[in-house]
Protein backbone atom coordinates (compact mmCIF):
# COMPACT_ATOMS: atom_id res chain seq x y z
CA MET A 1 -84.57 41.85 29.47
CA ARG A 2 -84.28 38.52 27.34
CA ARG A 3 -86.90 36.90 29.88
CA VAL A 4 -89.09 39.88 28.84
CA LEU A 5 -88.57 39.47 25.42
CA TRP A 6 -89.45 35.55 25.56
CA PHE A 7 -92.47 36.00 27.53
CA LEU A 8 -93.65 38.62 25.02
CA VAL A 9 -93.01 36.04 22.18
CA VAL A 10 -94.67 33.11 23.92
CA ALA A 11 -97.90 35.72 24.65
CA ALA A 12 -98.13 36.75 21.23
CA ILE A 13 -98.03 33.21 19.80
CA SER A 14 -100.87 32.31 22.53
CA VAL A 15 -102.98 35.24 21.45
CA ALA A 16 -102.25 34.15 17.73
CA VAL A 17 -103.23 30.66 18.21
CA ALA A 18 -106.42 31.59 20.29
CA TRP A 19 -107.34 34.14 17.72
CA TRP A 20 -106.96 31.27 14.96
CA LEU A 21 -108.91 28.82 17.10
CA ALA A 22 -111.81 31.44 17.60
CA ALA A 23 -111.94 32.27 13.84
CA LEU A 24 -112.38 28.53 12.95
CA PRO A 25 -115.48 28.08 10.92
CA GLY A 26 -117.89 25.30 11.23
CA HIS A 27 -119.36 22.92 14.10
CA VAL A 28 -118.32 19.46 15.27
CA SER A 29 -121.15 16.72 15.86
CA ALA A 30 -120.47 13.58 17.46
CA THR A 31 -123.27 10.84 18.42
CA ILE A 32 -122.47 8.14 21.26
CA ALA A 33 -125.17 5.74 22.27
CA GLY A 34 -127.89 7.75 21.26
CA VAL A 35 -126.43 10.87 22.71
CA THR A 36 -125.56 13.78 20.13
CA VAL A 37 -123.01 16.18 21.02
CA GLU A 38 -122.44 19.54 18.88
CA ALA A 39 -119.98 22.03 19.42
CA SER A 40 -118.35 24.79 17.75
CA ALA A 41 -114.88 23.89 15.74
CA PRO A 42 -112.63 25.84 18.23
CA ILE A 43 -114.46 24.20 21.23
CA ALA A 44 -113.76 20.91 19.90
CA VAL A 45 -110.46 21.53 19.08
CA LEU A 46 -110.00 22.76 22.55
CA GLY A 47 -111.73 20.16 24.04
CA PHE A 48 -109.38 17.59 22.26
CA VAL A 49 -106.33 19.02 23.45
CA VAL A 50 -107.61 18.89 27.15
CA VAL A 51 -108.17 15.14 26.63
CA LEU A 52 -105.06 14.38 25.43
CA LEU A 53 -103.44 16.31 28.31
CA VAL A 54 -105.75 14.39 30.72
CA LEU A 55 -104.60 11.08 29.18
CA TYR A 56 -101.11 11.92 29.36
CA PHE A 57 -101.04 13.02 32.80
CA LEU A 58 -102.81 9.87 33.60
CA LEU A 59 -100.25 7.83 32.11
CA ARG A 60 -97.65 9.43 33.66
CA LEU A 61 -99.24 8.78 36.76
CA LEU A 62 -99.62 5.05 36.20
CA THR A 63 -96.07 4.69 35.22
CA TRP A 64 -94.72 6.53 38.16
CA PRO A 65 -94.24 3.59 40.30
CA VAL A 66 -92.28 1.87 37.61
CA ARG A 67 -90.17 4.98 36.92
CA ALA A 68 -89.41 5.25 40.50
CA LEU A 69 -88.28 1.74 40.87
CA ALA A 70 -86.09 2.12 37.91
CA ARG A 71 -84.24 5.08 39.60
CA TRP A 72 -83.92 3.39 42.93
CA ARG A 73 -82.24 0.48 41.13
CA GLY A 74 -79.93 3.10 39.30
CA TRP A 75 -79.20 4.58 42.89
CA ARG A 76 -78.28 1.28 44.10
CA ILE A 77 -76.17 0.32 41.38
CA GLY A 78 -74.39 3.51 41.60
CA ARG A 79 -73.81 3.14 45.14
CA HIS A 80 -72.68 -0.57 44.67
CA ARG A 81 -70.26 0.52 41.78
CA ALA A 82 -68.83 3.37 44.07
CA GLY A 83 -68.15 1.21 46.89
CA GLY A 84 -66.75 -1.80 44.57
CA ASP A 85 -64.74 0.90 43.13
CA ALA A 86 -63.55 1.92 46.70
CA ALA A 87 -62.91 -1.91 47.76
CA VAL A 88 -60.55 -2.34 44.56
CA THR A 89 -58.51 0.65 45.16
CA GLY A 90 -58.30 -0.77 48.59
CA ALA A 91 -57.29 -4.23 47.79
CA LEU A 92 -54.77 -2.94 45.37
CA LEU A 93 -53.23 -0.62 47.77
CA ALA A 94 -53.00 -3.66 50.27
CA LEU A 95 -51.63 -6.00 47.74
CA ALA A 96 -48.76 -3.36 47.17
CA ALA A 97 -48.45 -2.88 51.02
CA GLY A 98 -48.18 -6.58 51.29
CA SER A 99 -50.99 -6.72 53.96
CA ALA A 100 -52.74 -9.95 53.09
CA ALA A 101 -55.39 -9.65 55.52
CA ASP A 102 -56.54 -6.33 54.35
CA ALA A 103 -56.12 -7.54 50.70
CA ARG A 104 -58.40 -10.44 51.01
CA ARG A 105 -61.00 -8.48 53.01
CA ASP A 106 -61.02 -5.67 50.38
CA ALA A 107 -61.33 -8.19 47.49
CA THR A 108 -64.10 -10.14 49.35
CA ARG A 109 -66.26 -6.88 49.52
CA ALA A 110 -65.17 -5.96 45.98
CA ARG A 111 -66.74 -9.49 44.79
CA ALA A 112 -69.91 -8.74 46.74
CA LEU A 113 -70.44 -5.43 45.60
CA LEU A 114 -69.41 -5.86 41.94
CA GLY A 115 -69.69 -9.66 41.30
CA ASP A 116 -67.24 -11.80 39.85
CA THR A 117 -65.49 -9.63 37.30
CA PRO A 118 -62.17 -10.37 35.74
CA GLN A 119 -60.73 -7.58 38.01
CA THR A 120 -62.41 -8.86 41.27
CA LEU A 121 -61.57 -12.53 40.86
CA LEU A 122 -57.85 -11.49 40.05
CA LEU A 123 -57.49 -9.18 43.19
CA ALA A 124 -58.93 -11.88 45.24
CA ALA A 125 -56.86 -14.70 43.87
CA GLU A 126 -53.69 -12.82 44.37
CA ALA A 127 -54.78 -11.66 47.74
CA SER A 128 -55.22 -15.48 48.72
CA ARG A 129 -51.94 -16.07 47.35
CA LEU A 130 -50.48 -13.25 49.38
CA ALA A 131 -51.97 -14.88 52.31
CA GLY A 132 -50.44 -18.38 51.82
CA LYS A 133 -54.16 -19.67 50.75
CA ASP A 134 -52.99 -21.57 47.89
CA SER A 135 -56.04 -23.68 47.47
CA ASP A 136 -58.11 -20.77 47.51
CA ALA A 137 -56.17 -18.84 45.08
CA GLU A 138 -56.11 -22.08 42.63
CA ALA A 139 -60.01 -22.38 42.72
CA ILE A 140 -60.18 -18.59 41.60
CA TYR A 141 -57.52 -18.71 38.96
CA ARG A 142 -59.02 -21.50 37.46
CA LYS A 143 -62.59 -19.54 37.80
CA LEU A 144 -60.84 -17.00 35.49
CA ALA A 145 -59.42 -19.73 33.20
CA GLU A 146 -62.81 -20.69 32.36
CA ARG A 147 -63.71 -17.14 31.36
CA GLY A 148 -63.37 -16.46 27.76
CA ASP A 149 -62.32 -12.67 28.22
CA ALA A 150 -59.80 -13.38 31.10
CA ALA A 151 -58.51 -16.89 30.54
CA PHE A 152 -55.15 -15.71 29.98
CA LEU A 153 -54.80 -14.23 33.56
CA GLY A 154 -56.57 -17.31 35.14
CA LEU A 155 -53.53 -19.40 33.50
CA ARG A 156 -50.99 -17.15 34.15
CA GLY A 157 -51.73 -17.54 37.83
CA LEU A 158 -52.02 -21.18 37.85
CA PHE A 159 -48.96 -21.44 35.96
CA ARG A 160 -47.26 -19.42 38.66
CA GLN A 161 -48.45 -21.60 41.15
CA ALA A 162 -47.18 -24.86 39.26
CA VAL A 163 -43.64 -23.26 39.02
CA ALA A 164 -43.53 -22.61 43.12
CA ARG A 165 -44.37 -26.25 43.71
CA GLU A 166 -42.31 -27.44 41.03
CA ASP A 167 -44.65 -29.36 39.18
CA TRP A 168 -43.20 -28.86 35.65
CA PRO A 169 -45.63 -31.11 33.38
CA ALA A 170 -48.41 -28.82 34.87
CA ALA A 171 -46.57 -25.75 33.92
CA GLN A 172 -45.63 -26.83 30.42
CA LYS A 173 -49.62 -27.67 29.93
CA LEU A 174 -50.50 -24.45 31.24
CA VAL A 175 -48.05 -22.44 29.16
CA ARG A 176 -49.36 -24.42 25.94
CA GLU A 177 -52.96 -23.19 26.88
CA ALA A 178 -52.00 -19.76 27.34
CA GLU A 179 -50.20 -19.59 24.19
CA ALA A 180 -53.43 -20.64 22.46
CA PHE A 181 -54.78 -17.26 23.68
CA HIS A 182 -51.94 -14.98 23.07
CA PRO A 183 -49.47 -16.78 20.73
CA GLY A 184 -45.96 -15.34 20.52
CA ILE A 185 -46.39 -13.20 23.69
CA GLY A 186 -42.79 -12.25 25.42
CA TRP A 187 -43.89 -13.40 28.64
CA LEU A 188 -44.73 -16.87 27.39
CA ARG A 189 -41.58 -17.11 25.52
CA GLU A 190 -39.46 -16.38 28.62
CA GLU A 191 -41.41 -18.83 30.74
CA ARG A 192 -40.91 -21.59 28.12
CA GLN A 193 -37.48 -20.78 28.29
CA VAL A 194 -37.31 -21.01 31.95
CA LEU A 195 -39.20 -24.37 31.80
CA ALA A 196 -37.00 -25.66 29.35
CA GLU A 197 -34.04 -25.00 31.53
CA ARG A 198 -35.82 -26.49 34.66
CA THR A 199 -36.86 -29.87 32.67
CA GLY A 200 -33.40 -30.46 30.95
CA ASP A 201 -35.02 -29.49 27.62
CA TRP A 202 -31.93 -27.91 26.28
CA THR A 203 -32.87 -28.15 22.59
CA GLY A 204 -35.82 -26.23 23.39
CA ALA A 205 -34.11 -23.66 25.63
CA LEU A 206 -31.70 -22.99 22.63
CA THR A 207 -34.54 -22.60 20.18
CA LEU A 208 -36.22 -20.02 22.60
CA ALA A 209 -33.11 -18.25 23.61
CA GLY A 210 -32.38 -14.49 22.63
CA PRO A 211 -29.13 -13.34 21.15
CA ALA A 212 -27.00 -13.60 24.37
CA PRO A 213 -24.01 -15.23 22.95
CA ALA A 214 -23.11 -16.69 26.72
CA ALA A 215 -26.63 -18.01 27.40
CA ARG A 216 -26.64 -19.75 23.47
CA LEU A 217 -23.15 -21.20 24.26
CA ALA A 218 -24.33 -22.85 27.46
CA TYR A 219 -27.53 -24.06 26.05
CA THR A 220 -25.51 -25.41 22.81
CA ILE A 221 -23.20 -27.44 25.20
CA ALA A 222 -25.97 -28.77 27.17
CA ALA A 223 -27.86 -29.61 24.15
CA ALA A 224 -24.97 -31.45 22.55
CA ASP A 225 -24.56 -33.61 25.95
CA ALA A 226 -28.63 -34.30 26.37
CA ALA A 227 -29.12 -35.07 22.59
CA VAL A 228 -30.40 -38.49 22.18
CA ASP A 229 -29.43 -38.74 18.55
CA PRO A 230 -25.67 -39.40 18.62
CA SER A 231 -25.06 -37.90 15.09
CA ARG A 232 -26.88 -34.64 16.25
CA GLY A 233 -25.12 -34.63 19.79
CA GLU A 234 -21.69 -34.81 17.78
CA LYS A 235 -22.56 -32.08 15.22
CA LEU A 236 -23.66 -29.56 17.92
CA ALA A 237 -20.83 -30.54 19.98
CA ARG A 238 -18.33 -30.10 17.08
CA LYS A 239 -20.06 -26.81 16.16
CA VAL A 240 -19.79 -25.28 19.32
CA PHE A 241 -15.88 -26.55 19.89
CA ASN A 242 -14.88 -25.02 16.66
CA ASP A 243 -16.64 -21.96 17.70
CA ASN A 244 -14.86 -21.81 21.10
CA PRO A 245 -11.83 -23.93 20.89
CA GLY A 246 -10.71 -22.63 24.28
CA PHE A 247 -13.74 -23.11 26.50
CA ALA A 248 -13.06 -26.40 28.34
CA PRO A 249 -16.84 -27.15 28.51
CA ALA A 250 -17.11 -27.02 24.83
CA ALA A 251 -14.00 -29.24 24.26
CA LEU A 252 -15.42 -31.73 26.91
CA ALA A 253 -18.67 -31.89 25.30
CA TYR A 254 -17.31 -32.65 21.81
CA ALA A 255 -14.72 -35.02 23.40
CA ARG A 256 -17.34 -37.08 25.33
CA ARG A 257 -19.38 -37.61 21.96
CA LEU A 258 -16.03 -38.59 20.50
CA ARG A 259 -15.17 -40.95 22.93
CA ALA A 260 -18.82 -42.47 23.33
CA ASN A 261 -18.58 -43.05 19.17
CA GLY A 262 -15.08 -44.89 19.81
CA GLN A 263 -12.94 -42.39 18.58
CA GLU A 264 -10.64 -41.67 21.52
CA SER A 265 -7.63 -40.16 19.92
CA ARG A 266 -9.65 -37.56 18.42
CA ALA A 267 -11.17 -37.04 21.92
CA ILE A 268 -7.72 -36.56 23.32
CA ASP A 269 -6.96 -34.16 20.70
CA ALA A 270 -9.72 -32.13 21.32
CA VAL A 271 -9.07 -31.84 25.09
CA ARG A 272 -5.53 -31.12 24.52
CA SER A 273 -6.00 -28.45 22.07
CA ALA A 274 -8.27 -26.69 24.22
CA TRP A 275 -5.51 -27.12 27.03
CA LYS A 276 -3.06 -25.32 24.28
CA ARG A 277 -5.53 -22.37 24.42
CA ALA A 278 -6.48 -22.31 28.21
CA PRO A 279 -5.29 -25.04 30.33
CA GLN A 280 -8.18 -26.19 32.95
CA PRO A 281 -8.10 -29.42 35.19
CA ASP A 282 -11.18 -30.75 33.96
CA LEU A 283 -9.43 -31.30 30.51
CA ALA A 284 -6.52 -33.31 31.90
CA ALA A 285 -8.94 -35.16 34.12
CA PHE A 286 -11.26 -36.33 30.93
CA ALA A 287 -7.90 -37.60 29.29
CA LEU A 288 -6.68 -39.43 32.43
CA ALA A 289 -9.80 -41.05 33.61
CA PRO A 290 -9.36 -44.24 31.67
CA ILE A 291 -5.82 -44.62 32.31
CA SER A 292 -4.78 -46.65 35.47
CA ASN A 293 -1.09 -46.81 34.91
CA PRO A 294 0.79 -44.06 36.66
CA LEU A 295 3.76 -44.09 33.96
CA SER A 296 0.92 -44.18 31.12
CA LYS A 297 -0.75 -41.04 32.95
CA MET A 298 2.86 -39.44 33.03
CA LYS A 299 3.08 -39.94 29.14
CA VAL A 300 -0.52 -38.28 28.60
CA ALA A 301 0.40 -35.57 31.07
CA GLU A 302 3.46 -34.75 29.35
CA ALA A 303 1.75 -34.41 25.80
CA PHE A 304 -0.56 -31.89 27.69
CA ALA A 305 2.16 -30.18 29.31
CA ARG A 306 4.01 -29.64 25.79
CA THR A 307 1.23 -27.43 24.60
CA ALA A 308 1.57 -24.88 27.38
CA PRO A 309 4.92 -25.60 28.97
CA ASP A 310 5.18 -22.59 31.03
CA HIS A 311 1.72 -22.47 32.19
CA PRO A 312 1.37 -23.22 36.12
CA GLU A 313 -1.58 -25.54 35.51
CA SER A 314 0.79 -27.63 33.17
CA ASN A 315 3.53 -27.80 35.82
CA TYR A 316 1.01 -28.54 38.44
CA LEU A 317 -0.39 -31.53 36.36
CA LEU A 318 3.10 -33.19 35.79
CA ALA A 319 3.92 -32.83 39.50
CA HIS A 320 0.75 -34.62 40.63
CA VAL A 321 1.33 -37.46 38.21
CA ALA A 322 4.63 -37.64 38.91
CA LEU A 323 4.02 -37.97 42.65
CA GLU A 324 1.21 -40.65 41.94
CA ALA A 325 3.99 -42.54 39.99
CA GLY A 326 6.39 -42.25 42.98
CA LEU A 327 8.80 -40.11 41.16
CA THR A 328 9.17 -37.31 43.91
CA GLY A 329 12.08 -35.40 42.61
CA GLU A 330 10.04 -34.75 39.19
CA ALA A 331 7.11 -33.78 41.24
CA ARG A 332 9.06 -31.38 43.59
CA LYS A 333 10.70 -29.96 40.38
CA HIS A 334 7.38 -29.14 38.53
CA ALA A 335 5.67 -28.18 41.41
CA ALA A 336 8.28 -25.40 42.21
CA LYS A 337 8.03 -24.49 38.68
CA ALA A 338 4.14 -24.20 39.01
CA LYS A 339 4.90 -21.81 42.00
CA ALA A 340 7.40 -19.98 40.37
CA ALA A 341 5.25 -19.32 37.27
CA GLY A 342 2.41 -17.89 39.85
CA MET A 343 0.17 -20.37 41.30
CA ARG A 344 -0.34 -19.42 44.98
CA ASP A 345 -3.64 -21.17 45.61
CA ARG A 346 -3.92 -24.13 48.17
CA ARG A 347 -3.43 -26.59 45.76
CA ILE A 348 0.35 -26.13 45.28
CA TYR A 349 1.03 -26.06 49.25
CA THR A 350 -1.11 -29.26 49.88
CA LEU A 351 0.75 -30.97 46.96
CA LEU A 352 4.20 -29.75 48.24
CA GLY A 353 3.24 -31.14 51.60
CA GLU A 354 2.23 -34.35 50.11
CA ILE A 355 5.70 -34.63 48.30
CA GLU A 356 7.43 -34.18 51.83
CA VAL A 357 5.37 -36.99 53.38
CA ALA A 358 6.38 -39.02 50.23
CA GLU A 359 10.26 -38.28 50.42
CA HIS A 360 10.86 -37.88 54.47
CA GLY A 361 7.86 -40.05 55.89
CA ASP A 362 7.21 -39.21 59.44
CA SER A 363 10.83 -37.68 60.36
CA GLU A 364 11.44 -34.48 62.06
CA ALA A 365 12.60 -32.64 58.98
CA GLY A 366 9.21 -33.82 57.18
CA ARG A 367 7.08 -32.64 60.14
CA ILE A 368 8.63 -29.76 60.08
CA ALA A 369 8.29 -28.64 56.49
CA GLN A 370 4.70 -29.88 56.46
CA ARG A 371 3.89 -27.47 59.24
CA GLU A 372 5.41 -24.66 57.24
CA LEU A 373 3.33 -25.65 54.21
CA LEU A 374 0.07 -25.98 56.28
CA ARG A 375 0.73 -22.28 57.36
CA GLU A 376 1.19 -21.16 53.75
CA ALA A 377 -1.78 -23.18 52.83
CA VAL A 378 -4.04 -21.67 55.46
CA THR A 379 -3.16 -18.06 54.28
CA ALA A 380 -3.24 -18.84 50.46
CA GLU A 381 -5.69 -18.23 47.63
CA PRO A 382 -8.81 -20.28 47.41
CA GLU A 383 -8.57 -23.13 44.86
CA PRO A 384 -9.95 -21.98 41.64
CA VAL A 385 -13.66 -23.31 40.96
CA TRP A 386 -16.24 -22.88 38.73
CA ARG A 387 -18.23 -19.80 40.03
CA CYS A 388 -21.14 -18.09 38.64
CA ASP A 389 -20.41 -14.26 38.04
CA ALA A 390 -24.11 -13.28 38.21
CA CYS A 391 -24.32 -14.23 42.08
CA GLY A 392 -20.94 -15.30 42.99
CA THR A 393 -21.90 -18.94 44.00
CA ALA A 394 -19.12 -21.53 43.82
CA HIS A 395 -19.75 -24.88 42.24
CA ALA A 396 -17.81 -27.89 41.62
CA GLU A 397 -18.16 -28.69 38.22
CA TRP A 398 -19.35 -26.43 35.24
CA ALA A 399 -23.48 -26.19 34.47
CA PRO A 400 -25.11 -24.46 31.82
CA VAL A 401 -27.43 -22.74 34.32
CA CYS A 402 -26.73 -21.56 37.77
CA PRO A 403 -28.74 -23.78 40.33
CA ASN A 404 -28.57 -20.88 42.66
CA CYS A 405 -29.81 -17.66 40.52
CA HIS A 406 -30.85 -19.62 37.50
CA VAL A 407 -28.70 -17.22 35.20
CA ALA A 408 -27.59 -19.08 31.93
CA GLY A 409 -24.13 -19.02 30.77
CA ARG A 410 -22.68 -17.10 33.75
CA PHE A 411 -19.90 -19.86 34.94
CA GLN A 412 -16.22 -18.77 34.79
CA TRP A 413 -13.13 -20.68 35.98
CA GLY A 414 -10.98 -19.09 38.42
CA GLY A 415 -10.74 -17.85 42.07
CA PRO A 416 -12.66 -14.90 43.67
CA VAL A 417 -9.99 -12.26 43.10
CA ARG A 418 -9.64 -13.45 39.38
CA LEU A 419 -13.34 -13.19 38.75
CA ALA A 420 -13.27 -9.77 40.11
CA LEU A 421 -10.74 -8.31 37.90
CA ALA A 422 -12.78 -9.72 35.18
CA ALA A 423 -16.04 -8.26 36.09
CA GLN A 424 -14.02 -4.66 36.06
């Protein structure tokens, strides 16, 4: 019904226009090159409209090849876009699946279809890196880094490669360049902190450290040891010691600064104060290191032991230095006290064996006692060590960052059992 109404309306308008044209009065006359053409007004108007229509269709006919070429180009671009998008998706899936060959193939196809866009370049670089083609990946990352719209992506890729090959100067340069594009970004802060750790820039690591107290403590101790300016180093060490007087590495950092400044008595007071709170062998080793006379060592050890007389480490220390001084009776007495106070690791059985050798020499009684002590040592607890409680790796000495897992501030002194209990 609606179509019929539209037809009637159009027909009525057409009749009205024709009627209006037929009713137009006058004539139109035109002379061209001596030829005169005359026509009534309606015919002239109709002829003008016909001429316009003919010109329009001629123009359309003449521009058809151009329009056809444009349509073909649009179709071709759309086809490339669809193929390129499919290749990008394929490359992403291959990267996620760890399929290096498929990722490289699809990334190459995406570049061929879509050109060198930031997305296709990044996919190609990551695919090359996954395939172990580091030189290819580096070339593509550099191409990305030269683009203003994707420089950060290229710099980040180059940075990862520099870290992988442990080229720390190059990594630091790349981080500075990346920060110029995105200052203050979280990833950059974390990477700068990692770089500071790897290069031993402990002051920088401390500046970049987050609120985690254990990491900040470790960085402060390391910064105090590494400070070139003695006054700044002592200031840092004094603060960290005052804040953590029972932590052996903090006390030792302060004591080392004091000893370097010629303040030996204050250095010994610092480590003895830490021993009173938490006896740890490194503290006594620091105090005894410059002393060669066994009896002088005994006096220093006795001063340490008086601050924590019932602790097994105090009695073990006294037993050890007494044995060095040839006082086997004193050594046996303090070794027995250490064992009674709860020391059950291999050190005490090894020490008791050395005391037997010193007292009885190569006698039958000495050999029997030694064999018994060796049997006990085999089944005894392991000696306490510095252990990273993040990865469980044992280390001979304290460090601010675990060389195995690269986590800061997680070194604890003790044996595996004690660490497991502490973790609960």
